Each structure stands twice: as structure tokens, then as C-alpha cells.
N, C-alpha and C. Protein backbone atom coordinates (compact mmCIF):
# COMPACT_ATOMS: atom_id res chain seq x y z
N MET A 1 -11.51 7.05 5.41
CA MET A 1 -10.17 7.55 5.15
C MET A 1 -9.22 6.98 6.19
N PRO A 2 -8.06 6.48 5.76
CA PRO A 2 -7.14 5.96 6.77
C PRO A 2 -6.75 7.04 7.76
N GLY A 3 -6.73 6.64 9.01
CA GLY A 3 -6.28 7.55 10.06
C GLY A 3 -4.77 7.49 10.17
N MET A 4 -4.27 8.13 11.20
CA MET A 4 -2.83 8.18 11.41
C MET A 4 -2.24 6.78 11.61
N GLU A 5 -2.95 5.93 12.34
CA GLU A 5 -2.44 4.58 12.60
C GLU A 5 -2.36 3.77 11.31
N GLU A 6 -3.38 3.86 10.46
CA GLU A 6 -3.36 3.13 9.20
C GLU A 6 -2.25 3.65 8.29
N ARG A 7 -2.05 4.95 8.27
CA ARG A 7 -0.98 5.54 7.45
C ARG A 7 0.38 5.04 7.92
N ARG A 8 0.56 5.02 9.24
CA ARG A 8 1.81 4.53 9.82
C ARG A 8 2.02 3.06 9.44
N GLU A 9 0.98 2.25 9.53
CA GLU A 9 1.06 0.84 9.17
C GLU A 9 1.44 0.67 7.70
N ASP A 10 0.85 1.49 6.83
CA ASP A 10 1.16 1.39 5.40
C ASP A 10 2.61 1.79 5.12
N LEU A 11 3.11 2.77 5.83
CA LEU A 11 4.52 3.16 5.63
C LEU A 11 5.47 2.06 6.10
N LEU A 12 5.14 1.43 7.22
CA LEU A 12 5.96 0.32 7.70
C LEU A 12 5.87 -0.87 6.74
N PHE A 13 4.67 -1.11 6.23
CA PHE A 13 4.46 -2.18 5.26
C PHE A 13 5.27 -1.91 4.00
N ALA A 14 5.29 -0.66 3.56
CA ALA A 14 6.08 -0.28 2.38
C ALA A 14 7.55 -0.60 2.60
N ALA A 15 8.06 -0.27 3.77
CA ALA A 15 9.46 -0.54 4.07
C ALA A 15 9.75 -2.05 4.02
N LEU A 16 8.83 -2.86 4.55
CA LEU A 16 9.01 -4.31 4.50
C LEU A 16 8.99 -4.84 3.06
N LEU A 17 8.07 -4.33 2.27
CA LEU A 17 7.97 -4.76 0.88
C LEU A 17 9.27 -4.49 0.13
N ILE A 18 9.82 -3.32 0.36
CA ILE A 18 11.06 -2.94 -0.31
C ILE A 18 12.24 -3.75 0.24
N ARG A 19 12.32 -3.85 1.55
CA ARG A 19 13.44 -4.57 2.18
C ARG A 19 13.50 -6.02 1.73
N HIS A 20 12.34 -6.66 1.60
CA HIS A 20 12.29 -8.07 1.22
C HIS A 20 12.14 -8.28 -0.29
N ALA A 21 12.27 -7.20 -1.04
CA ALA A 21 12.20 -7.25 -2.51
C ALA A 21 10.94 -7.94 -3.01
N ILE A 22 9.81 -7.65 -2.36
CA ILE A 22 8.53 -8.23 -2.75
C ILE A 22 7.93 -7.42 -3.91
N VAL A 23 8.07 -6.10 -3.84
CA VAL A 23 7.54 -5.20 -4.87
C VAL A 23 8.63 -4.19 -5.20
N ASP A 24 8.72 -3.84 -6.46
CA ASP A 24 9.69 -2.84 -6.92
C ASP A 24 9.48 -1.53 -6.15
N PRO A 25 10.54 -0.94 -5.63
CA PRO A 25 10.40 0.30 -4.86
C PRO A 25 9.65 1.41 -5.60
N ALA A 26 9.86 1.53 -6.91
CA ALA A 26 9.16 2.57 -7.68
C ALA A 26 7.65 2.36 -7.64
N ARG A 27 7.23 1.10 -7.67
CA ARG A 27 5.79 0.80 -7.63
C ARG A 27 5.21 1.12 -6.25
N VAL A 28 5.97 0.82 -5.21
CA VAL A 28 5.52 1.13 -3.85
C VAL A 28 5.37 2.64 -3.69
N ILE A 29 6.36 3.38 -4.15
CA ILE A 29 6.32 4.85 -4.05
C ILE A 29 5.16 5.41 -4.86
N GLU A 30 4.92 4.85 -6.04
CA GLU A 30 3.79 5.28 -6.86
C GLU A 30 2.47 5.13 -6.10
N CYS A 31 2.31 4.01 -5.43
CA CYS A 31 1.06 3.77 -4.68
C CYS A 31 0.97 4.66 -3.43
N LEU A 32 2.09 4.88 -2.76
CA LEU A 32 2.08 5.80 -1.62
C LEU A 32 1.73 7.22 -2.07
N ASP A 33 2.25 7.61 -3.23
CA ASP A 33 1.92 8.93 -3.78
C ASP A 33 0.43 9.02 -4.11
N ALA A 34 -0.14 7.94 -4.64
CA ALA A 34 -1.57 7.93 -4.94
C ALA A 34 -2.39 8.07 -3.66
N GLN A 35 -1.96 7.42 -2.59
CA GLN A 35 -2.63 7.57 -1.30
C GLN A 35 -2.55 9.02 -0.83
N GLU A 36 -1.38 9.59 -0.94
CA GLU A 36 -1.19 10.97 -0.49
C GLU A 36 -2.07 11.93 -1.27
N THR A 37 -2.17 11.73 -2.57
CA THR A 37 -3.04 12.56 -3.40
C THR A 37 -4.49 12.41 -2.95
N ALA A 38 -4.91 11.18 -2.71
CA ALA A 38 -6.28 10.94 -2.24
C ALA A 38 -6.53 11.62 -0.90
N LEU A 39 -5.54 11.59 -0.02
CA LEU A 39 -5.69 12.25 1.28
C LEU A 39 -5.81 13.77 1.11
N ARG A 40 -4.97 14.33 0.25
CA ARG A 40 -4.98 15.79 0.04
C ARG A 40 -6.27 16.25 -0.59
N THR A 41 -6.82 15.45 -1.50
CA THR A 41 -8.04 15.85 -2.19
C THR A 41 -9.29 15.36 -1.46
N GLN A 42 -9.06 14.72 -0.33
CA GLN A 42 -10.14 14.19 0.52
C GLN A 42 -11.04 13.23 -0.24
N SER A 43 -10.43 12.42 -1.09
CA SER A 43 -11.16 11.37 -1.80
C SER A 43 -11.55 10.29 -0.79
N HIS A 44 -12.74 9.75 -0.97
CA HIS A 44 -13.20 8.72 -0.04
C HIS A 44 -13.59 7.49 -0.80
N PRO A 45 -13.28 6.32 -0.37
CA PRO A 45 -12.31 6.05 0.68
C PRO A 45 -10.89 6.06 0.11
N VAL A 46 -9.93 6.30 0.98
CA VAL A 46 -8.53 6.24 0.57
C VAL A 46 -8.11 4.78 0.69
N PRO A 47 -7.65 4.18 -0.42
CA PRO A 47 -7.29 2.76 -0.38
C PRO A 47 -6.03 2.50 0.42
N ARG A 48 -5.97 1.34 1.00
CA ARG A 48 -4.76 0.91 1.71
C ARG A 48 -3.69 0.53 0.70
N LEU A 49 -2.45 0.53 1.13
CA LEU A 49 -1.33 0.26 0.24
C LEU A 49 -1.46 -1.11 -0.44
N GLY A 50 -1.76 -2.14 0.33
CA GLY A 50 -1.89 -3.47 -0.25
C GLY A 50 -2.96 -3.53 -1.31
N ASP A 51 -4.08 -2.87 -1.05
CA ASP A 51 -5.17 -2.83 -2.03
C ASP A 51 -4.72 -2.18 -3.33
N LEU A 52 -4.02 -1.06 -3.22
CA LEU A 52 -3.54 -0.38 -4.42
C LEU A 52 -2.57 -1.24 -5.22
N LEU A 53 -1.66 -1.88 -4.53
CA LEU A 53 -0.67 -2.72 -5.21
C LEU A 53 -1.34 -3.86 -5.98
N VAL A 54 -2.35 -4.46 -5.37
CA VAL A 54 -3.06 -5.56 -6.03
C VAL A 54 -3.89 -5.04 -7.19
N ARG A 55 -4.63 -3.95 -6.98
CA ARG A 55 -5.48 -3.39 -8.05
C ARG A 55 -4.67 -3.00 -9.28
N ARG A 56 -3.48 -2.49 -9.05
CA ARG A 56 -2.64 -2.05 -10.17
C ARG A 56 -1.82 -3.19 -10.78
N GLY A 57 -1.94 -4.37 -10.21
CA GLY A 57 -1.25 -5.53 -10.75
C GLY A 57 0.22 -5.62 -10.38
N TYR A 58 0.64 -4.90 -9.34
CA TYR A 58 2.05 -4.91 -8.95
C TYR A 58 2.38 -6.06 -8.00
N ALA A 59 1.36 -6.65 -7.40
CA ALA A 59 1.56 -7.78 -6.49
C ALA A 59 0.25 -8.53 -6.37
N SER A 60 0.34 -9.79 -5.97
CA SER A 60 -0.87 -10.57 -5.72
C SER A 60 -1.16 -10.55 -4.22
N SER A 61 -2.41 -10.81 -3.89
CA SER A 61 -2.78 -10.91 -2.47
C SER A 61 -1.96 -11.98 -1.77
N ASP A 62 -1.75 -13.09 -2.47
CA ASP A 62 -0.96 -14.19 -1.89
C ASP A 62 0.47 -13.74 -1.59
N LYS A 63 1.06 -13.04 -2.53
CA LYS A 63 2.43 -12.59 -2.34
C LYS A 63 2.53 -11.60 -1.18
N LEU A 64 1.57 -10.69 -1.10
CA LEU A 64 1.58 -9.73 0.00
C LEU A 64 1.34 -10.44 1.33
N GLY A 65 0.53 -11.48 1.31
CA GLY A 65 0.23 -12.22 2.52
C GLY A 65 1.44 -12.92 3.12
N THR A 66 2.47 -13.12 2.31
CA THR A 66 3.67 -13.79 2.81
C THR A 66 4.38 -12.97 3.89
N ILE A 67 4.11 -11.69 3.94
CA ILE A 67 4.70 -10.88 5.01
C ILE A 67 3.63 -10.25 5.89
N GLY A 68 2.45 -10.85 5.88
CA GLY A 68 1.42 -10.42 6.81
C GLY A 68 0.61 -9.23 6.37
N ALA A 69 0.47 -9.06 5.06
CA ALA A 69 -0.33 -7.93 4.55
C ALA A 69 -1.77 -8.08 4.99
N ASN A 70 -2.40 -6.96 5.22
CA ASN A 70 -3.82 -6.95 5.58
C ASN A 70 -4.59 -6.36 4.41
N SER A 71 -4.48 -7.03 3.24
CA SER A 71 -5.11 -6.53 2.03
C SER A 71 -6.49 -7.14 1.87
N LYS A 72 -7.46 -6.32 1.47
CA LYS A 72 -8.82 -6.79 1.23
C LYS A 72 -9.03 -7.19 -0.21
N ALA A 73 -8.06 -6.92 -1.07
CA ALA A 73 -8.21 -7.20 -2.51
C ALA A 73 -8.09 -8.67 -2.79
């Protein structure tokens, strides 16, 4: 499960994605909400933001990599 540092990194990453118009803000929020739900329900493992965006088809690993994403997808 992502710890506090990973959560902070994902929130900063979300802000960069939105600021640079890499991913639609609604899609970013949807994935952050999915993370939050997983955290509340203690689902394991909780996916990182980049992983969720790629799995759902909202961005490619290459596109996320343009701003230094640390996505495993």
C-alpha cells in the first residue's frame, strides 16, 4: 500500500499532469478517487497514479515518462 510519501508524490504528479495538459483533469481525479477508495477499503496493493492512468487507457507509459513518471505499467 502506498505510504504517505508515495501518496504525496502521486498528488504532485497529478498536479503536473493537469498543469501540462498531459491527461484530462477528470481522468486524473477519477484515478485519484480510485486510489482513495482502495486505501479506505484496505485493498492490496493500491496502484500508483501512473499505473492506473495507463491501465485505464488514459495515457501511455511513454507520454507519462515525458514528465518523469515512475510508472511500472
